[in-house]
Protein backbone atom coordinates (compact mmCIF):
# COMPACT_ATOMS: atom_id res chain seq x y z
CA UNK A 1 -176.37 85.58 -73.37
CA UNK A 2 -177.32 89.21 -72.83
CA UNK A 3 -174.43 91.21 -71.41
CA UNK A 4 -174.36 93.44 -68.34
CA UNK A 5 -173.72 96.77 -70.02
CA UNK A 6 -174.30 99.37 -67.29
CA UNK A 7 -170.73 100.60 -67.73
CA UNK A 8 -168.66 102.69 -65.36
CA UNK A 9 -170.28 106.12 -64.94
CA UNK A 10 -166.92 107.66 -64.03
CA UNK A 11 -165.25 106.47 -67.24
CA UNK A 12 -164.71 109.19 -69.85
CA UNK A 13 -164.26 108.88 -73.56
CA UNK A 14 -163.04 111.02 -76.43
CA UNK A 15 -165.86 113.01 -78.09
CA UNK A 16 -165.76 113.66 -81.84
CA UNK A 17 -165.54 117.32 -82.80
CA UNK A 18 -167.71 116.69 -85.88
CA UNK A 19 -170.76 114.42 -85.62
CA UNK A 20 -172.18 113.10 -88.86
CA UNK A 21 -175.93 113.14 -89.36
CA UNK A 22 -175.91 109.35 -89.59
CA UNK A 23 -174.31 109.12 -86.15
CA UNK A 24 -176.96 111.45 -84.75
CA UNK A 25 -179.72 109.31 -86.20
CA UNK A 26 -178.26 106.14 -84.70
CA UNK A 27 -177.57 107.82 -81.36
CA UNK A 28 -181.18 108.96 -81.08
CA UNK A 29 -182.39 105.43 -81.81
CA UNK A 30 -179.61 103.36 -80.24
CA UNK A 31 -181.93 101.37 -77.95
CA UNK A 32 -183.62 99.89 -81.03
CA UNK A 33 -180.36 98.34 -82.30
CA UNK A 34 -178.88 95.10 -80.97
CA UNK A 35 -175.20 94.21 -81.37
CA UNK A 36 -173.61 90.79 -80.93
CA UNK A 37 -170.03 90.95 -79.56
CA UNK A 38 -168.08 87.74 -80.29
CA UNK A 39 -164.64 87.40 -78.67
CA UNK A 40 -163.13 84.58 -76.64
CA UNK A 41 -161.19 87.03 -74.43
CA UNK A 42 -163.37 88.29 -71.58
CA UNK A 43 -161.53 91.59 -71.13
CA UNK A 44 -162.15 92.47 -74.79
CA UNK A 45 -165.84 91.65 -74.48
CA UNK A 46 -166.15 93.69 -71.29
CA UNK A 47 -164.40 96.69 -72.83
CA UNK A 48 -166.68 96.65 -75.87
CA UNK A 49 -169.73 96.20 -73.65
CA UNK A 50 -168.83 99.22 -71.55
CA UNK A 51 -168.21 101.44 -74.52
CA UNK A 52 -171.16 100.36 -76.65
CA UNK A 53 -173.46 100.06 -73.65
CA UNK A 54 -172.71 103.66 -72.77
CA UNK A 55 -173.92 104.56 -76.27
CA UNK A 56 -177.28 102.92 -75.51
CA UNK A 57 -177.17 99.80 -77.70
CA UNK A 58 -178.68 96.47 -76.67
CA UNK A 59 -175.82 93.99 -76.45
CA UNK A 60 -175.38 90.25 -76.78
CA UNK A 61 -172.11 88.34 -76.26
CA UNK A 62 -170.59 85.08 -77.51
CA UNK A 63 -167.39 83.29 -76.43
CA UNK A 64 -166.79 81.31 -79.64
CA UNK A 65 -167.96 80.81 -83.21
CA UNK A 66 -170.59 78.20 -82.39
CA UNK A 67 -172.18 80.52 -79.82
CA UNK A 68 -172.40 83.21 -82.49
CA UNK A 69 -174.53 80.99 -84.75
CA UNK A 70 -176.63 79.83 -81.80
CA UNK A 71 -177.28 83.44 -80.77
CA UNK A 72 -178.20 84.47 -84.31
CA UNK A 73 -180.75 81.64 -84.45
CA UNK A 74 -182.38 82.80 -81.21
CA UNK A 75 -182.15 86.60 -81.27
CA UNK A 76 -182.66 89.41 -83.75
CA UNK A 77 -179.29 91.10 -84.33
CA UNK A 78 -178.46 94.28 -86.28
CA UNK A 79 -174.66 94.09 -86.19
CA UNK A 80 -171.98 91.50 -85.30
CA UNK A 81 -168.53 92.44 -83.96
CA UNK A 82 -166.65 89.24 -84.82
CA UNK A 83 -163.17 88.32 -83.56
CA UNK A 84 -160.99 86.60 -86.15
CA UNK A 85 -159.34 84.15 -83.73
CA UNK A 86 -161.82 82.10 -81.67
CA UNK A 87 -162.07 78.46 -80.60
CA UNK A 88 -164.43 75.87 -82.19
CA UNK A 89 -165.07 78.14 -85.20
CA UNK A 90 -162.93 81.12 -86.09
CA UNK A 91 -164.28 84.40 -87.44
CA UNK A 92 -163.69 83.49 -91.08
CA UNK A 93 -165.72 80.27 -90.74
CA UNK A 94 -168.53 82.11 -88.97
CA UNK A 95 -168.60 84.79 -91.67
CA UNK A 96 -168.78 82.12 -94.38
CA UNK A 97 -171.75 80.47 -92.61
CA UNK A 98 -173.53 83.81 -92.25
CA UNK A 99 -173.10 84.80 -95.89
CA UNK A 100 -174.37 81.38 -97.05
CA UNK A 101 -177.49 81.52 -94.85
CA UNK A 102 -180.35 83.61 -96.20
CA UNK A 103 -181.40 84.42 -92.62
CA UNK A 104 -178.11 86.11 -91.74
CA UNK A 105 -176.49 87.19 -95.01
CA UNK A 106 -177.70 90.81 -94.70
CA UNK A 107 -176.51 91.31 -91.11
CA UNK A 108 -173.43 93.60 -91.22
CA UNK A 109 -170.22 92.26 -89.69
CA UNK A 110 -167.22 94.19 -88.35
CA UNK A 111 -164.16 91.98 -87.95
CA UNK A 112 -161.98 92.35 -84.81
CA UNK A 113 -158.30 91.72 -85.41
CA UNK A 114 -154.87 92.23 -83.97
CA UNK A 115 -152.34 94.49 -85.68
CA UNK A 116 -150.48 91.55 -87.15
CA UNK A 117 -153.58 90.01 -88.77
CA UNK A 118 -154.97 92.90 -90.84
CA UNK A 119 -154.46 90.92 -94.05
CA UNK A 120 -157.03 88.35 -92.93
CA UNK A 121 -159.42 91.15 -91.96
CA UNK A 122 -159.16 92.56 -95.49
CA UNK A 123 -159.82 89.07 -96.84
CA UNK A 124 -163.01 89.02 -94.74
CA UNK A 125 -164.14 92.27 -96.36
CA UNK A 126 -163.81 90.54 -99.74
CA UNK A 127 -166.05 87.81 -98.28
CA UNK A 128 -168.74 90.32 -97.29
CA UNK A 129 -167.70 91.89 -93.98
CA UNK A 130 -168.51 95.60 -93.73
CA UNK A 131 -165.39 96.78 -91.92
CA UNK A 132 -162.70 95.82 -89.39
CA UNK A 133 -161.34 97.13 -86.07
CA UNK A 134 -157.81 96.68 -84.76
CA UNK A 135 -157.05 95.95 -81.10
CA UNK A 136 -156.55 97.88 -78.87
CA UNK A 137 -159.83 99.68 -79.64
CA UNK A 138 -159.90 103.39 -80.33
CA UNK A 139 -163.19 104.70 -78.96
CA UNK A 140 -163.73 107.31 -81.67
CA UNK A 141 -163.03 104.79 -84.43
CA UNK A 142 -165.26 102.20 -82.74
CA UNK A 143 -168.17 104.59 -82.50
CA UNK A 144 -167.75 105.89 -86.05
CA UNK A 145 -167.58 102.45 -87.65
CA UNK A 146 -170.44 100.98 -85.61
CA UNK A 147 -172.66 103.99 -86.39
CA UNK A 148 -171.77 103.86 -90.09
CA UNK A 149 -172.59 100.14 -90.34
CA UNK A 150 -175.88 100.54 -88.50
CA UNK A 151 -176.88 103.52 -90.60
CA UNK A 152 -176.23 101.57 -93.82
CA UNK A 153 -178.31 98.70 -92.45
CA UNK A 154 -181.09 101.08 -91.43
CA UNK A 155 -181.23 102.53 -94.95
CA UNK A 156 -181.17 99.05 -96.54
CA UNK A 157 -183.98 97.89 -94.26
CA UNK A 158 -185.96 101.02 -95.06
CA UNK A 159 -185.52 100.44 -98.80
CA UNK A 160 -186.67 96.83 -98.43
CA UNK A 161 -189.77 97.98 -96.54
CA UNK A 162 -190.52 100.65 -99.16
CA UNK A 163 -190.12 98.17 -102.01
CA UNK A 164 -192.29 95.62 -100.25
CA UNK A 165 -195.00 98.18 -99.57
CA UNK A 166 -194.91 99.51 -103.12
CA UNK A 167 -195.05 95.98 -104.52
CA UNK A 168 -198.02 95.07 -102.32
CA UNK A 169 -199.86 98.24 -103.24
CA UNK A 170 -199.02 97.82 -106.90
CA UNK A 171 -200.18 94.20 -106.81
CA UNK A 172 -203.43 95.29 -105.18
CA UNK A 173 -203.92 97.98 -107.81
CA UNK A 174 -203.08 95.54 -110.59
CA UNK A 175 -205.62 93.07 -109.27
CA UNK A 176 -208.25 95.76 -108.89
CA UNK A 177 -207.75 97.00 -112.44
CA UNK A 178 -207.66 93.43 -113.76
CA UNK A 179 -211.01 92.68 -112.16
CA UNK A 180 -212.67 95.84 -113.36
CA UNK A 181 -211.40 96.29 -116.91
CA UNK A 182 -212.76 93.67 -119.35
CA UNK A 183 -214.40 95.51 -122.19
CA UNK A 184 -214.69 99.26 -122.37
CA UNK A 185 -218.31 100.28 -122.08
CA UNK A 186 -220.01 103.22 -120.49
CA UNK A 187 -220.49 101.40 -117.22
CA UNK A 188 -216.87 100.22 -117.17
CA UNK A 189 -215.58 103.70 -117.95
CA UNK A 190 -217.55 104.95 -114.96
CA UNK A 191 -215.89 102.28 -112.83
CA UNK A 192 -212.41 103.27 -114.05
CA UNK A 193 -213.12 106.89 -113.27
CA UNK A 194 -214.33 105.96 -109.79
CA UNK A 195 -211.11 103.98 -109.22
CA UNK A 196 -209.04 106.93 -110.31
CA UNK A 197 -210.98 109.15 -107.94
CA UNK A 198 -210.24 106.67 -105.16
CA UNK A 199 -206.51 106.87 -105.89
CA UNK A 200 -206.75 110.64 -106.10
CA UNK A 201 -208.63 110.83 -102.80
CA UNK A 202 -205.39 109.98 -100.94
CA UNK A 203 -204.37 113.58 -101.67
CA UNK A 204 -206.95 115.88 -100.03
CA UNK A 205 -205.91 118.83 -102.22
CA UNK A 206 -206.88 117.46 -105.62
CA UNK A 207 -210.59 118.33 -105.50
CA UNK A 208 -212.22 118.03 -108.93
CA UNK A 209 -208.89 117.63 -110.68
CA UNK A 210 -209.93 114.55 -112.71
CA UNK A 211 -213.12 116.18 -113.99
CA UNK A 212 -211.17 119.20 -115.20
CA UNK A 213 -208.35 117.12 -116.67
CA UNK A 214 -210.57 115.12 -119.00
CA UNK A 215 -212.24 118.33 -120.23
CA UNK A 216 -208.87 120.01 -120.85
CA UNK A 217 -207.63 116.96 -122.76
CA UNK A 218 -210.75 116.86 -124.92
CA UNK A 219 -210.45 120.58 -125.73
CA UNK A 220 -206.77 120.36 -126.68
CA UNK A 221 -207.05 117.17 -128.73
CA UNK A 222 -210.05 118.43 -130.72
CA UNK A 223 -208.29 121.71 -131.46
CA UNK A 224 -205.13 119.88 -132.58
CA UNK A 225 -207.26 117.55 -134.71
CA UNK A 226 -208.45 120.53 -136.72
CA UNK A 227 -204.90 121.24 -137.93
CA UNK A 228 -203.25 119.66 -140.97
CA UNK A 229 -200.39 118.26 -138.87
CA UNK A 230 -202.71 116.17 -136.69
CA UNK A 231 -205.79 115.68 -138.82
CA UNK A 232 -204.90 112.07 -139.67
CA UNK A 233 -203.79 111.19 -136.14
CA UNK A 234 -206.62 112.65 -134.08
CA UNK A 235 -210.12 111.37 -134.80
CA UNK A 236 -213.20 111.22 -132.57
CA UNK A 237 -212.12 107.86 -131.10
CA UNK A 238 -208.80 109.45 -130.07
CA UNK A 239 -210.65 112.34 -128.45
CA UNK A 240 -213.02 110.11 -126.49
CA UNK A 241 -210.22 107.75 -125.44
CA UNK A 242 -208.04 110.54 -124.09
CA UNK A 243 -211.09 112.02 -122.37
CA UNK A 244 -211.71 108.73 -120.54
CA UNK A 245 -208.10 107.62 -120.04
CA UNK A 246 -206.87 110.95 -118.67
CA UNK A 247 -208.29 109.89 -115.31
CA UNK A 248 -205.60 107.19 -115.14
CA UNK A 249 -202.62 109.55 -115.33
CA UNK A 250 -201.76 109.44 -111.61
CA UNK A 251 -203.13 106.00 -110.76
CA UNK A 252 -199.58 104.84 -110.04
CA UNK A 253 -199.60 107.04 -106.92
CA UNK A 254 -201.51 104.24 -105.23
CA UNK A 255 -198.08 102.60 -105.04
CA UNK A 256 -196.45 105.61 -103.35
CA UNK A 257 -196.25 105.51 -99.57
CA UNK A 258 -198.46 108.03 -97.71
CA UNK A 259 -195.41 109.36 -95.87
CA UNK A 260 -194.03 110.49 -99.23
CA UNK A 261 -197.24 111.35 -101.10
CA UNK A 262 -198.71 113.49 -98.30
CA UNK A 263 -195.50 114.97 -96.91
CA UNK A 264 -196.12 118.71 -96.41
CA UNK A 265 -192.48 119.75 -96.70
CA UNK A 266 -189.76 119.31 -99.29
CA UNK A 267 -189.06 115.72 -100.33
CA UNK A 268 -185.64 114.21 -99.76
CA UNK A 269 -183.72 112.79 -102.72
CA UNK A 270 -184.70 109.27 -101.61
CA UNK A 271 -188.37 110.30 -101.39
CA UNK A 272 -188.18 111.90 -104.84
CA UNK A 273 -186.93 108.61 -106.23
CA UNK A 274 -190.04 106.92 -104.82
CA UNK A 275 -192.38 109.67 -106.03
CA UNK A 276 -190.92 109.62 -109.54
CA UNK A 277 -191.74 105.93 -109.81
CA UNK A 278 -195.49 106.55 -109.98
CA UNK A 279 -195.60 106.92 -113.81
CA UNK A 280 -193.85 103.55 -114.17
CA UNK A 281 -196.06 101.89 -111.55
CA UNK A 282 -199.21 103.09 -113.28
CA UNK A 283 -198.04 102.14 -116.77
CA UNK A 284 -196.87 98.68 -115.68
CA UNK A 285 -200.22 97.99 -114.05
CA UNK A 286 -202.11 98.94 -117.21
CA UNK A 287 -199.71 96.94 -119.39
CA UNK A 288 -200.63 93.83 -117.46
CA UNK A 289 -204.29 94.56 -118.19
CA UNK A 290 -203.41 95.01 -121.87
CA UNK A 291 -201.61 91.65 -121.89
CA UNK A 292 -204.63 89.93 -120.43
CA UNK A 293 -207.13 91.80 -122.67
CA UNK A 294 -205.19 93.05 -125.73
CA UNK A 295 -206.39 95.31 -128.48
CA UNK A 296 -208.16 97.98 -126.42
CA UNK A 297 -207.32 101.52 -127.51
CA UNK A 298 -208.44 103.02 -124.22
CA UNK A 299 -205.94 100.95 -122.22
CA UNK A 300 -203.10 101.65 -124.66
CA UNK A 301 -203.71 105.38 -124.39
CA UNK A 302 -203.93 105.01 -120.59
CA UNK A 303 -200.47 103.38 -120.58
CA UNK A 304 -198.97 106.24 -122.60
CA UNK A 305 -200.64 108.86 -120.42
CA UNK A 306 -199.59 107.28 -117.12
CA UNK A 307 -195.99 106.79 -118.26
CA UNK A 308 -195.29 110.02 -120.13
CA UNK A 309 -197.26 112.85 -118.53
CA UNK A 310 -194.18 114.08 -116.59
CA UNK A 311 -191.86 114.03 -119.61
CA UNK A 312 -190.85 117.43 -121.01
CA UNK A 313 -190.35 118.64 -124.56
CA UNK A 314 -186.66 119.46 -123.93
CA UNK A 315 -185.89 116.05 -122.36
CA UNK A 316 -185.61 117.23 -118.75
CA UNK A 317 -188.65 115.31 -117.49
CA UNK A 318 -189.07 111.83 -116.01
CA UNK A 319 -189.15 108.84 -115.79
CA UNK A 320 -187.11 108.34 -118.99
CA UNK A 321 -186.07 111.80 -120.12
CA UNK A 322 -187.81 111.52 -123.50
CA UNK A 323 -187.86 114.61 -125.68
CA UNK A 324 -189.99 116.19 -128.38
CA UNK A 325 -192.01 113.68 -130.39
CA UNK A 326 -190.45 110.71 -128.61
CA UNK A 327 -193.10 111.60 -126.02
CA UNK A 328 -196.51 110.17 -126.99
CA UNK A 329 -198.95 112.84 -128.15
CA UNK A 330 -201.40 112.01 -125.35
CA UNK A 331 -198.62 112.62 -122.80
CA UNK A 332 -197.77 115.99 -124.37
CA UNK A 333 -201.42 117.00 -124.27
CA UNK A 334 -202.01 115.91 -120.71
CA UNK A 335 -198.78 117.55 -119.47
CA UNK A 336 -200.09 121.01 -120.35
CA UNK A 337 -203.53 120.38 -118.86
CA UNK A 338 -201.97 118.99 -115.67
CA UNK A 339 -199.70 122.01 -115.18
CA UNK A 340 -202.49 124.48 -115.94
CA UNK A 341 -204.68 122.80 -113.36
CA UNK A 342 -201.90 122.83 -110.75
CA UNK A 343 -201.21 126.51 -111.37
CA UNK A 344 -204.86 127.55 -111.10
CA UNK A 345 -205.50 125.43 -107.98
CA UNK A 346 -204.87 126.36 -104.37
CA UNK A 347 -202.30 124.26 -102.51
CA UNK A 348 -200.97 124.24 -98.95
CA UNK A 349 -197.82 125.95 -100.24
CA UNK A 350 -199.42 128.50 -102.61
CA UNK A 351 -202.56 130.36 -103.58
CA UNK A 352 -204.30 129.68 -106.88
CA UNK A 353 -202.79 131.66 -109.75
CA UNK A 354 -205.05 133.61 -112.09
CA UNK A 355 -205.75 132.33 -115.57
CA UNK A 356 -203.60 135.14 -116.99
CA UNK A 357 -200.59 134.34 -114.82
CA UNK A 358 -200.97 130.61 -115.52
CA UNK A 359 -201.12 131.27 -119.27
CA UNK A 360 -197.96 133.37 -119.02
CA UNK A 361 -196.10 130.56 -117.20
CA UNK A 362 -197.22 128.01 -119.80
CA UNK A 363 -196.09 130.27 -122.63
CA UNK A 364 -192.69 130.67 -120.94
CA UNK A 365 -192.43 126.86 -120.98
CA UNK A 366 -193.17 126.60 -124.71
CA UNK A 367 -190.43 124.57 -126.39
CA UNK A 368 -189.00 123.61 -123.02
CA UNK A 369 -191.64 121.94 -120.87
CA UNK A 370 -194.39 121.92 -123.51
CA UNK A 371 -194.86 120.94 -127.14
CA UNK A 372 -195.20 124.25 -129.08
CA UNK A 373 -198.15 122.81 -131.06
CA UNK A 374 -200.00 122.01 -127.83
CA UNK A 375 -199.30 125.49 -126.46
CA UNK A 376 -200.71 127.01 -129.64
CA UNK A 377 -203.85 124.86 -129.32
CA UNK A 378 -204.15 126.07 -125.72
CA UNK A 379 -204.05 129.71 -126.87
CA UNK A 380 -206.86 129.00 -129.29
CA UNK A 381 -209.14 127.42 -126.64
CA UNK A 382 -208.03 129.26 -123.51
CA UNK A 383 -211.46 130.81 -122.96
CA UNK A 384 -212.88 127.27 -122.86
CA UNK A 385 -210.18 126.32 -120.32
CA UNK A 386 -211.33 129.18 -118.12
CA UNK A 387 -214.95 128.05 -118.48
CA UNK A 388 -214.04 124.51 -117.38
CA UNK A 389 -212.07 125.88 -114.43
CA UNK A 390 -215.09 127.84 -113.27
CA UNK A 391 -217.55 124.99 -113.91
CA UNK A 392 -215.60 122.44 -111.82
CA UNK A 393 -214.43 124.49 -108.86
CA UNK A 394 -212.92 122.94 -105.75
CA UNK A 395 -214.55 123.46 -102.38
CA UNK A 396 -211.94 126.02 -101.25
CA UNK A 397 -212.64 128.07 -104.37
């Protein structure tokens, strides 16, 4: 049953000197969390109701172990405060039932115990309880442990939602690519490019990025193909494949949530983890196409481009930290074109850099971010890079 949690307005409690950010987050959102208090002693339930109710949580109470399971079956609960000693079913039995039931196994549990029964509380932690509280309750400890448990649950729930969303979006992208890519022909290449533009359109700042990227890749690969070191590796088929497949380099961003992809400010560490998954998402999608329709050079190059275009020559890139010639050649080529285009494009956080300043930054990254051979090829065709930049200008330019 739902508890009467108005509390005594005249009652005062100890206030922590230091409030953790997690506690602030929970406090601001307390009304969205529901807590089940299970104790067969009414005075204990009332005390917890007053204290937790004053913090703003929605509260539910149970007198025994069977009522706990009945309440869980009827109501959505975010946290259970579970007394060890109760009639009908004790806390240990209830905890066992919860951890064996897929519906309840992820609900955090804080065990309530007397001073002389801490050993059983520790045993419950081994069984999956999050924490324990000793009677009589210390208000500061109660608040800290409840907030910590709810914050961990909030983060777990958020991760599950992110993973589910990414999986759905990745599945949709996979299905879309699977339908469209059968044999590579002119009409199908046009379709792939249109799909890449659709993925790119989620970021309003990219403009004619894909058009420029394929031109940059063609210029660099042809120039490298004229050298003895790459003459045997780069033929006209390689050039045309990288020209077409370059459009797929960021297609994995379809699997990145808008809240992360379009965030105007600095990304959190958790958001960076999600953003850095886009090379893997894109490559995995194209690998599935390759499994269904093997032997296509365009798709194989697309996989390498999607997966490796954020790797760096010195091994400091992502997703796998590859270095030097462990990085596929197409990824090393596209990395330079991608950075050049970012430098020479206007963004919400910067103005477009000049060609000269962009060239200087790229040369500073030679042997660190970029393959020295690719940087040398860039020097030899930089006037053509500038021509492409001027030919495919964005609207703001």
